[in-house]
């Protein structure tokens, strides 16, 4: 049975914060759906007023009791989000960090020529925000938990047109390993998820000969957040139909 149709109670009672849902094609949405179908209660965020009309119906679809604005560079919004979670649930079991951003001028052209401001913005939003959200989530993960960050194969190989996001995602994957080592004694596991291209022509080259779906990414994260993956942490998990093994 396809993962998008599978219901279970493997995450029953768990509280999950999913950051980064922009629309129904978002990887974060695949995670929110899969976790909800597996018994978790979902809190979601939206970037701004322009994004809210796209995210609000999705939050209703998973009966999310919390839907708040979150621009990760706005400390007041981050504070308000975690205060709301603490008030509503008193704890947190899962954090999905699925956000990345670089200004256009930082993505255009060579990495060599990336302007300082563009680089710092990309690192701030795409990498440092994981540290910030994790530090806050740690206080609520009193019974342990699982944290996910979304990466890409461009962290490890030069991918055409990926630009400065390659070095930024490499930093993100390194941060995941350090977070896993530091939080492991508290029962908090941390993973980088590296989905393959979701809508490109690489399907013909991948060993599985097809593209990966957001539902499959979500299903894998459900497993990793479950007790069955209790001995796994600090990994970069490729969900790409085997594409990353090709030269």
C-alpha atoms as a PDB file:
ATOM      1  CA  UNK A   1       0.000   0.000   0.000  1.00  0.00           C
ATOM      2  CA  UNK A   2       1.422   3.436  -0.894  1.00  0.00           C
ATOM      3  CA  UNK A   3       2.656   5.360   2.168  1.00  0.00           C
ATOM      4  CA  UNK A   4       0.220   8.190   1.531  1.00  0.00           C
ATOM      5  CA  UNK A   5      -2.648   5.782   2.217  1.00  0.00           C
ATOM      6  CA  UNK A   6      -1.182   4.102   5.269  1.00  0.00           C
ATOM      7  CA  UNK A   7      -2.584   4.809   8.718  1.00  0.00           C
ATOM      8  CA  UNK A   8      -1.007   3.557  11.924  1.00  0.00           C
ATOM      9  CA  UNK A   9      -0.637   4.407  15.600  1.00  0.00           C
ATOM     10  CA  UNK A  10       3.162   4.235  15.649  1.00  0.00           C
ATOM     11  CA  UNK A  11       3.428   7.894  16.724  1.00  0.00           C
ATOM     12  CA  UNK A  12       0.287   7.922  18.835  1.00  0.00           C
ATOM     13  CA  UNK A  13       0.367  10.672  21.443  1.00  0.00           C
ATOM     14  CA  UNK A  14       3.457  12.386  20.047  1.00  0.00           C
ATOM     15  CA  UNK A  15       3.480  16.150  19.529  1.00  0.00           C
ATOM     16  CA  UNK A  16       5.165  17.370  16.350  1.00  0.00           C
ATOM     17  CA  UNK A  17       6.129  20.865  15.225  1.00  0.00           C
ATOM     18  CA  UNK A  18       6.494  21.077  11.444  1.00  0.00           C
ATOM     19  CA  UNK A  19       8.216  24.213  10.173  1.00  0.00           C
ATOM     20  CA  UNK A  20       8.416  24.929   6.472  1.00  0.00           C
ATOM     21  CA  UNK A  21       5.075  24.023   4.924  1.00  0.00           C
ATOM     22  CA  UNK A  22       4.498  26.436   2.040  1.00  0.00           C
ATOM     23  CA  UNK A  23       1.927  24.504  -0.009  1.00  0.00           C
ATOM     24  CA  UNK A  24       0.724  20.979  -0.742  1.00  0.00           C
ATOM     25  CA  UNK A  25       3.930  20.200  -2.652  1.00  0.00           C
ATOM     26  CA  UNK A  26       6.231  20.944   0.294  1.00  0.00           C
ATOM     27  CA  UNK A  27       8.380  18.186   1.743  1.00  0.00           C
ATOM     28  CA  UNK A  28       7.319  19.518   5.139  1.00  0.00           C
ATOM     29  CA  UNK A  29       3.702  18.855   4.175  1.00  0.00           C
ATOM     30  CA  UNK A  30       4.574  15.264   3.325  1.00  0.00           C
ATOM     31  CA  UNK A  31       6.019  14.953   6.831  1.00  0.00           C
ATOM     32  CA  UNK A  32       3.023  16.596   8.499  1.00  0.00           C
ATOM     33  CA  UNK A  33       0.578  14.318   6.688  1.00  0.00           C
ATOM     34  CA  UNK A  34       2.501  11.136   7.379  1.00  0.00           C
ATOM     35  CA  UNK A  35       3.020  11.952  11.041  1.00  0.00           C
ATOM     36  CA  UNK A  36      -0.621  12.851  11.500  1.00  0.00           C
ATOM     37  CA  UNK A  37      -1.717   9.596   9.843  1.00  0.00           C
ATOM     38  CA  UNK A  38       0.571   7.794  12.265  1.00  0.00           C
ATOM     39  CA  UNK A  39      -1.079   9.275  15.335  1.00  0.00           C
ATOM     40  CA  UNK A  40       0.938  12.422  16.020  1.00  0.00           C
ATOM     41  CA  UNK A  41      -0.660  15.777  16.804  1.00  0.00           C
ATOM     42  CA  UNK A  42       0.684  18.501  14.536  1.00  0.00           C
ATOM     43  CA  UNK A  43       1.593  22.157  15.033  1.00  0.00           C
ATOM     44  CA  UNK A  44       2.421  24.111  11.881  1.00  0.00           C
ATOM     45  CA  UNK A  45       3.784  27.494  10.906  1.00  0.00           C
ATOM     46  CA  UNK A  46       3.451  29.784   7.902  1.00  0.00           C
ATOM     47  CA  UNK A  47       5.987  32.310   6.705  1.00  0.00           C
ATOM     48  CA  UNK A  48       3.825  35.417   6.292  1.00  0.00           C
ATOM     49  CA  UNK A  49       0.377  36.707   5.331  1.00  0.00           C
ATOM     50  CA  UNK A  50       0.969  35.848   1.674  1.00  0.00           C
ATOM     51  CA  UNK A  51       1.685  32.225   2.575  1.00  0.00           C
ATOM     52  CA  UNK A  52      -1.134  31.799   5.074  1.00  0.00           C
ATOM     53  CA  UNK A  53      -3.954  31.127   2.532  1.00  0.00           C
ATOM     54  CA  UNK A  54      -1.928  28.196   1.169  1.00  0.00           C
ATOM     55  CA  UNK A  55      -0.988  26.743   4.546  1.00  0.00           C
ATOM     56  CA  UNK A  56      -4.166  27.268   6.565  1.00  0.00           C
ATOM     57  CA  UNK A  57      -6.261  24.677   4.659  1.00  0.00           C
ATOM     58  CA  UNK A  58      -3.475  22.134   5.134  1.00  0.00           C
ATOM     59  CA  UNK A  59      -3.352  22.807   8.857  1.00  0.00           C
ATOM     60  CA  UNK A  60      -7.097  22.221   8.990  1.00  0.00           C
ATOM     61  CA  UNK A  61      -6.694  18.971   7.056  1.00  0.00           C
ATOM     62  CA  UNK A  62      -4.477  17.546   9.806  1.00  0.00           C
ATOM     63  CA  UNK A  63      -6.555  19.221  12.520  1.00  0.00           C
ATOM     64  CA  UNK A  64      -3.547  21.164  13.754  1.00  0.00           C
ATOM     65  CA  UNK A  65      -4.400  22.887  17.048  1.00  0.00           C
ATOM     66  CA  UNK A  66      -1.606  25.396  16.507  1.00  0.00           C
ATOM     67  CA  UNK A  67      -0.883  27.436  13.376  1.00  0.00           C
ATOM     68  CA  UNK A  68       1.376  30.416  13.903  1.00  0.00           C
ATOM     69  CA  UNK A  69       3.448  32.794  11.763  1.00  0.00           C
ATOM     70  CA  UNK A  70       7.169  32.135  11.760  1.00  0.00           C
ATOM     71  CA  UNK A  71       9.927  34.105  10.121  1.00  0.00           C
ATOM     72  CA  UNK A  72      12.921  32.540  11.858  1.00  0.00           C
ATOM     73  CA  UNK A  73      14.835  35.822  11.873  1.00  0.00           C
ATOM     74  CA  UNK A  74      12.065  37.387  13.969  1.00  0.00           C
ATOM     75  CA  UNK A  75      12.916  36.500  17.560  1.00  0.00           C
ATOM     76  CA  UNK A  76       9.513  37.615  18.822  1.00  0.00           C
ATOM     77  CA  UNK A  77       7.764  35.174  16.492  1.00  0.00           C
ATOM     78  CA  UNK A  78      10.053  32.323  17.510  1.00  0.00           C
ATOM     79  CA  UNK A  79       9.430  33.130  21.179  1.00  0.00           C
ATOM     80  CA  UNK A  80       5.665  33.220  20.621  1.00  0.00           C
ATOM     81  CA  UNK A  81       5.697  29.876  18.804  1.00  0.00           C
ATOM     82  CA  UNK A  82       7.455  27.992  21.568  1.00  0.00           C
ATOM     83  CA  UNK A  83       5.446  29.715  24.265  1.00  0.00           C
ATOM     84  CA  UNK A  84       2.274  28.555  22.506  1.00  0.00           C
ATOM     85  CA  UNK A  85       3.573  24.978  22.311  1.00  0.00           C
ATOM     86  CA  UNK A  86       4.546  25.000  25.978  1.00  0.00           C
ATOM     87  CA  UNK A  87       1.106  26.331  26.927  1.00  0.00           C
ATOM     88  CA  UNK A  88      -0.862  23.953  24.684  1.00  0.00           C
ATOM     89  CA  UNK A  89       1.134  20.757  25.080  1.00  0.00           C
ATOM     90  CA  UNK A  90       3.748  21.284  27.765  1.00  0.00           C
ATOM     91  CA  UNK A  91       6.166  19.198  25.754  1.00  0.00           C
ATOM     92  CA  UNK A  92       7.405  18.445  22.239  1.00  0.00           C
ATOM     93  CA  UNK A  93       8.424  15.119  20.710  1.00  0.00           C
ATOM     94  CA  UNK A  94       9.243  15.918  17.075  1.00  0.00           C
ATOM     95  CA  UNK A  95      10.665  18.957  15.293  1.00  0.00           C
ATOM     96  CA  UNK A  96      10.773  19.126  11.493  1.00  0.00           C
ATOM     97  CA  UNK A  97      13.003  21.940  10.218  1.00  0.00           C
ATOM     98  CA  UNK A  98      12.344  22.260   6.489  1.00  0.00           C
ATOM     99  CA  UNK A  99      13.342  25.798   5.606  1.00  0.00           C
ATOM    100  CA  UNK A 100      16.056  27.245   3.407  1.00  0.00           C
ATOM    101  CA  UNK A 101      16.598  30.596   1.779  1.00  0.00           C
ATOM    102  CA  UNK A 102      19.283  32.546  -0.048  1.00  0.00           C
ATOM    103  CA  UNK A 103      18.875  35.954  -1.691  1.00  0.00           C
ATOM    104  CA  UNK A 104      18.836  35.896  -5.479  1.00  0.00           C
ATOM    105  CA  UNK A 105      22.174  37.664  -5.690  1.00  0.00           C
ATOM    106  CA  UNK A 106      23.747  34.932  -3.559  1.00  0.00           C
ATOM    107  CA  UNK A 107      22.429  32.164  -5.810  1.00  0.00           C
ATOM    108  CA  UNK A 108      23.311  33.788  -9.110  1.00  0.00           C
ATOM    109  CA  UNK A 109      26.734  33.170 -10.544  1.00  0.00           C
ATOM    110  CA  UNK A 110      29.736  31.542  -8.899  1.00  0.00           C
ATOM    111  CA  UNK A 111      30.108  30.565  -5.265  1.00  0.00           C
ATOM    112  CA  UNK A 112      33.412  32.402  -5.496  1.00  0.00           C
ATOM    113  CA  UNK A 113      31.549  35.649  -6.090  1.00  0.00           C
ATOM    114  CA  UNK A 114      28.841  35.242  -3.455  1.00  0.00           C
ATOM    115  CA  UNK A 115      28.402  38.543  -1.588  1.00  0.00           C
ATOM    116  CA  UNK A 116      28.974  38.525   2.138  1.00  0.00           C
ATOM    117  CA  UNK A 117      25.459  39.639   3.052  1.00  0.00           C
ATOM    118  CA  UNK A 118      23.932  36.970   0.837  1.00  0.00           C
ATOM    119  CA  UNK A 119      26.084  34.253   2.354  1.00  0.00           C
ATOM    120  CA  UNK A 120      25.300  35.330   5.905  1.00  0.00           C
ATOM    121  CA  UNK A 121      21.561  35.456   5.164  1.00  0.00           C
ATOM    122  CA  UNK A 122      21.626  31.979   3.633  1.00  0.00           C
ATOM    123  CA  UNK A 123      23.482  30.587   6.641  1.00  0.00           C
ATOM    124  CA  UNK A 124      21.229  32.410   9.098  1.00  0.00           C
ATOM    125  CA  UNK A 125      17.936  31.178   7.668  1.00  0.00           C
ATOM    126  CA  UNK A 126      19.009  27.759   6.431  1.00  0.00           C
ATOM    127  CA  UNK A 127      21.450  26.615   9.118  1.00  0.00           C
ATOM    128  CA  UNK A 128      21.616  28.763  12.248  1.00  0.00           C
ATOM    129  CA  UNK A 129      17.835  28.640  12.581  1.00  0.00           C
ATOM    130  CA  UNK A 130      18.147  24.881  13.125  1.00  0.00           C
ATOM    131  CA  UNK A 131      20.381  25.557  16.120  1.00  0.00           C
ATOM    132  CA  UNK A 132      17.960  28.152  17.446  1.00  0.00           C
ATOM    133  CA  UNK A 133      14.860  25.966  17.093  1.00  0.00           C
ATOM    134  CA  UNK A 134      16.698  22.937  18.472  1.00  0.00           C
ATOM    135  CA  UNK A 135      17.854  24.823  21.555  1.00  0.00           C
ATOM    136  CA  UNK A 136      14.270  25.816  22.259  1.00  0.00           C
ATOM    137  CA  UNK A 137      12.862  22.378  21.450  1.00  0.00           C
ATOM    138  CA  UNK A 138      15.365  20.737  23.795  1.00  0.00           C
ATOM    139  CA  UNK A 139      13.654  22.357  26.778  1.00  0.00           C
ATOM    140  CA  UNK A 140      10.333  20.785  25.780  1.00  0.00           C
ATOM    141  CA  UNK A 141      11.699  17.374  24.811  1.00  0.00           C
ATOM    142  CA  UNK A 142      11.802  16.241  28.415  1.00  0.00           C
ATOM    143  CA  UNK A 143      11.094  12.641  27.449  1.00  0.00           C
ATOM    144  CA  UNK A 144      13.428  12.581  24.458  1.00  0.00           C
ATOM    145  CA  UNK A 145      12.510  13.344  20.887  1.00  0.00           C
ATOM    146  CA  UNK A 146      13.529  13.486  17.246  1.00  0.00           C
ATOM    147  CA  UNK A 147      14.673  16.460  15.194  1.00  0.00           C
ATOM    148  CA  UNK A 148      14.810  16.535  11.397  1.00  0.00           C
ATOM    149  CA  UNK A 149      16.605  18.954   9.074  1.00  0.00           C
ATOM    150  CA  UNK A 150      16.187  18.863   5.291  1.00  0.00           C
ATOM    151  CA  UNK A 151      19.361  18.735   3.230  1.00  0.00           C
ATOM    152  CA  UNK A 152      20.242  17.897  -0.374  1.00  0.00           C
ATOM    153  CA  UNK A 153      22.937  15.979  -2.257  1.00  0.00           C
ATOM    154  CA  UNK A 154      24.505  19.303  -3.220  1.00  0.00           C
ATOM    155  CA  UNK A 155      25.992  19.335   0.284  1.00  0.00           C
ATOM    156  CA  UNK A 156      28.432  16.620  -0.789  1.00  0.00           C
ATOM    157  CA  UNK A 157      28.833  17.040  -4.525  1.00  0.00           C
ATOM    158  CA  UNK A 158      28.871  20.031  -6.838  1.00  0.00           C
ATOM    159  CA  UNK A 159      25.390  20.281  -8.351  1.00  0.00           C
ATOM    160  CA  UNK A 160      24.878  22.600 -11.292  1.00  0.00           C
ATOM    161  CA  UNK A 161      22.994  25.785 -10.406  1.00  0.00           C
ATOM    162  CA  UNK A 162      22.807  24.886  -6.690  1.00  0.00           C
ATOM    163  CA  UNK A 163      25.389  27.529  -5.890  1.00  0.00           C
ATOM    164  CA  UNK A 164      25.936  28.785  -2.368  1.00  0.00           C
ATOM    165  CA  UNK A 165      23.298  26.429  -0.993  1.00  0.00           C
ATOM    166  CA  UNK A 166      25.798  23.579  -1.409  1.00  0.00           C
ATOM    167  CA  UNK A 167      28.192  24.942   1.235  1.00  0.00           C
ATOM    168  CA  UNK A 168      25.223  25.983   3.392  1.00  0.00           C
ATOM    169  CA  UNK A 169      23.718  22.479   3.329  1.00  0.00           C
ATOM    170  CA  UNK A 170      27.146  21.009   4.095  1.00  0.00           C
ATOM    171  CA  UNK A 171      27.227  23.192   7.210  1.00  0.00           C
ATOM    172  CA  UNK A 172      23.698  22.033   8.061  1.00  0.00           C
ATOM    173  CA  UNK A 173      24.682  18.354   7.867  1.00  0.00           C
ATOM    174  CA  UNK A 174      27.711  18.999  10.065  1.00  0.00           C
ATOM    175  CA  UNK A 175      25.525  20.830  12.572  1.00  0.00           C
ATOM    176  CA  UNK A 176      23.207  17.819  12.682  1.00  0.00           C
ATOM    177  CA  UNK A 177      26.086  15.567  13.712  1.00  0.00           C
ATOM    178  CA  UNK A 178      27.151  17.896  16.510  1.00  0.00           C
ATOM    179  CA  UNK A 179      23.588  18.312  17.737  1.00  0.00           C
ATOM    180  CA  UNK A 180      23.124  14.537  17.742  1.00  0.00           C
ATOM    181  CA  UNK A 181      26.271  14.076  19.830  1.00  0.00           C
ATOM    182  CA  UNK A 182      25.315  16.783  22.320  1.00  0.00           C
ATOM    183  CA  UNK A 183      21.644  15.874  22.720  1.00  0.00           C
ATOM    184  CA  UNK A 184      21.946  12.107  22.545  1.00  0.00           C
ATOM    185  CA  UNK A 185      22.367  11.695  26.326  1.00  0.00           C
ATOM    186  CA  UNK A 186      18.939  13.334  26.720  1.00  0.00           C
ATOM    187  CA  UNK A 187      17.307  10.849  24.383  1.00  0.00           C
ATOM    188  CA  UNK A 188      17.016  13.379  21.570  1.00  0.00           C
ATOM    189  CA  UNK A 189      17.932  12.062  18.135  1.00  0.00           C
ATOM    190  CA  UNK A 190      18.823  14.335  15.211  1.00  0.00           C
ATOM    191  CA  UNK A 191      18.831  13.488  11.507  1.00  0.00           C
ATOM    192  CA  UNK A 192      19.463  15.226   8.212  1.00  0.00           C
ATOM    193  CA  UNK A 193      17.079  14.057   5.511  1.00  0.00           C
ATOM    194  CA  UNK A 194      18.355  14.302   1.943  1.00  0.00           C
ATOM    195  CA  UNK A 195      15.505  13.812  -0.522  1.00  0.00           C
ATOM    196  CA  UNK A 196      16.255  13.399  -4.177  1.00  0.00           C
ATOM    197  CA  UNK A 197      14.947  15.765  -6.839  1.00  0.00           C
ATOM    198  CA  UNK A 198      11.169  15.750  -6.693  1.00  0.00           C
ATOM    199  CA  UNK A 199      10.297  17.061 -10.160  1.00  0.00           C
ATOM    200  CA  UNK A 200      13.184  16.799 -12.602  1.00  0.00           C
ATOM    201  CA  UNK A 201      14.412  14.558 -15.385  1.00  0.00           C
ATOM    202  CA  UNK A 202      16.831  12.618 -13.155  1.00  0.00           C
ATOM    203  CA  UNK A 203      14.267   9.852 -12.693  1.00  0.00           C
ATOM    204  CA  UNK A 204      15.660   8.042 -15.719  1.00  0.00           C
ATOM    205  CA  UNK A 205      19.090   7.873 -14.069  1.00  0.00           C
ATOM    206  CA  UNK A 206      18.104   6.914 -10.516  1.00  0.00           C
ATOM    207  CA  UNK A 207      18.394   3.199  -9.717  1.00  0.00           C
ATOM    208  CA  UNK A 208      14.703   3.148  -8.767  1.00  0.00           C
ATOM    209  CA  UNK A 209      13.907   4.765 -12.156  1.00  0.00           C
ATOM    210  CA  UNK A 210      11.417   7.181 -10.668  1.00  0.00           C
ATOM    211  CA  UNK A 211      11.133  10.340  -8.620  1.00  0.00           C
ATOM    212  CA  UNK A 212      10.642  10.379  -4.885  1.00  0.00           C
ATOM    213  CA  UNK A 213       7.350  11.655  -3.482  1.00  0.00           C
ATOM    214  CA  UNK A 214       6.805  13.891  -0.484  1.00  0.00           C
ATOM    215  CA  UNK A 215       4.712  11.071   0.991  1.00  0.00           C
ATOM    216  CA  UNK A 216       7.729   8.751   0.878  1.00  0.00           C
ATOM    217  CA  UNK A 217       9.891  11.342   2.609  1.00  0.00           C
ATOM    218  CA  UNK A 218       7.207  11.699   5.268  1.00  0.00           C
ATOM    219  CA  UNK A 219       6.899   7.939   5.728  1.00  0.00           C
ATOM    220  CA  UNK A 220      10.649   7.616   6.260  1.00  0.00           C
ATOM    221  CA  UNK A 221      10.569  10.371   8.863  1.00  0.00           C
ATOM    222  CA  UNK A 222       7.726   8.583  10.654  1.00  0.00           C
ATOM    223  CA  UNK A 223       9.941   5.520  10.952  1.00  0.00           C
ATOM    224  CA  UNK A 224      12.896   7.571  12.161  1.00  0.00           C
ATOM    225  CA  UNK A 225      10.735   9.273  14.799  1.00  0.00           C
ATOM    226  CA  UNK A 226       9.401   5.938  16.030  1.00  0.00           C
ATOM    227  CA  UNK A 227      10.851   3.595  18.658  1.00  0.00           C
ATOM    228  CA  UNK A 228      11.967   1.274  15.834  1.00  0.00           C
ATOM    229  CA  UNK A 229      14.723   3.773  14.974  1.00  0.00           C
ATOM    230  CA  UNK A 230      15.727   4.403  18.569  1.00  0.00           C
ATOM    231  CA  UNK A 231      19.357   3.435  17.922  1.00  0.00           C
ATOM    232  CA  UNK A 232      19.756   5.757  14.926  1.00  0.00           C
ATOM    233  CA  UNK A 233      20.977   9.346  15.215  1.00  0.00           C
ATOM    234  CA  UNK A 234      23.315  11.829  13.560  1.00  0.00           C
ATOM    235  CA  UNK A 235      22.824  10.398  10.090  1.00  0.00           C
ATOM    236  CA  UNK A 236      22.146  11.916   6.709  1.00  0.00           C
ATOM    237  CA  UNK A 237      19.375   9.735   5.339  1.00  0.00           C
ATOM    238  CA  UNK A 238      19.055   9.682   1.556  1.00  0.00           C
ATOM    239  CA  UNK A 239      15.520   9.238   0.248  1.00  0.00           C
ATOM    240  CA  UNK A 240      16.221   9.553  -3.458  1.00  0.00           C
ATOM    241  CA  UNK A 241      15.662   6.226  -5.166  1.00  0.00           C
ATOM    242  CA  UNK A 242      19.410   5.577  -4.957  1.00  0.00           C
ATOM    243  CA  UNK A 243      20.355   8.632  -7.030  1.00  0.00           C
ATOM    244  CA  UNK A 244      23.175   9.643  -4.671  1.00  0.00           C
ATOM    245  CA  UNK A 245      25.190   6.467  -5.360  1.00  0.00           C
ATOM    246  CA  UNK A 246      25.698   7.371  -9.005  1.00  0.00           C
ATOM    247  CA  UNK A 247      28.833   9.077 -10.200  1.00  0.00           C
END
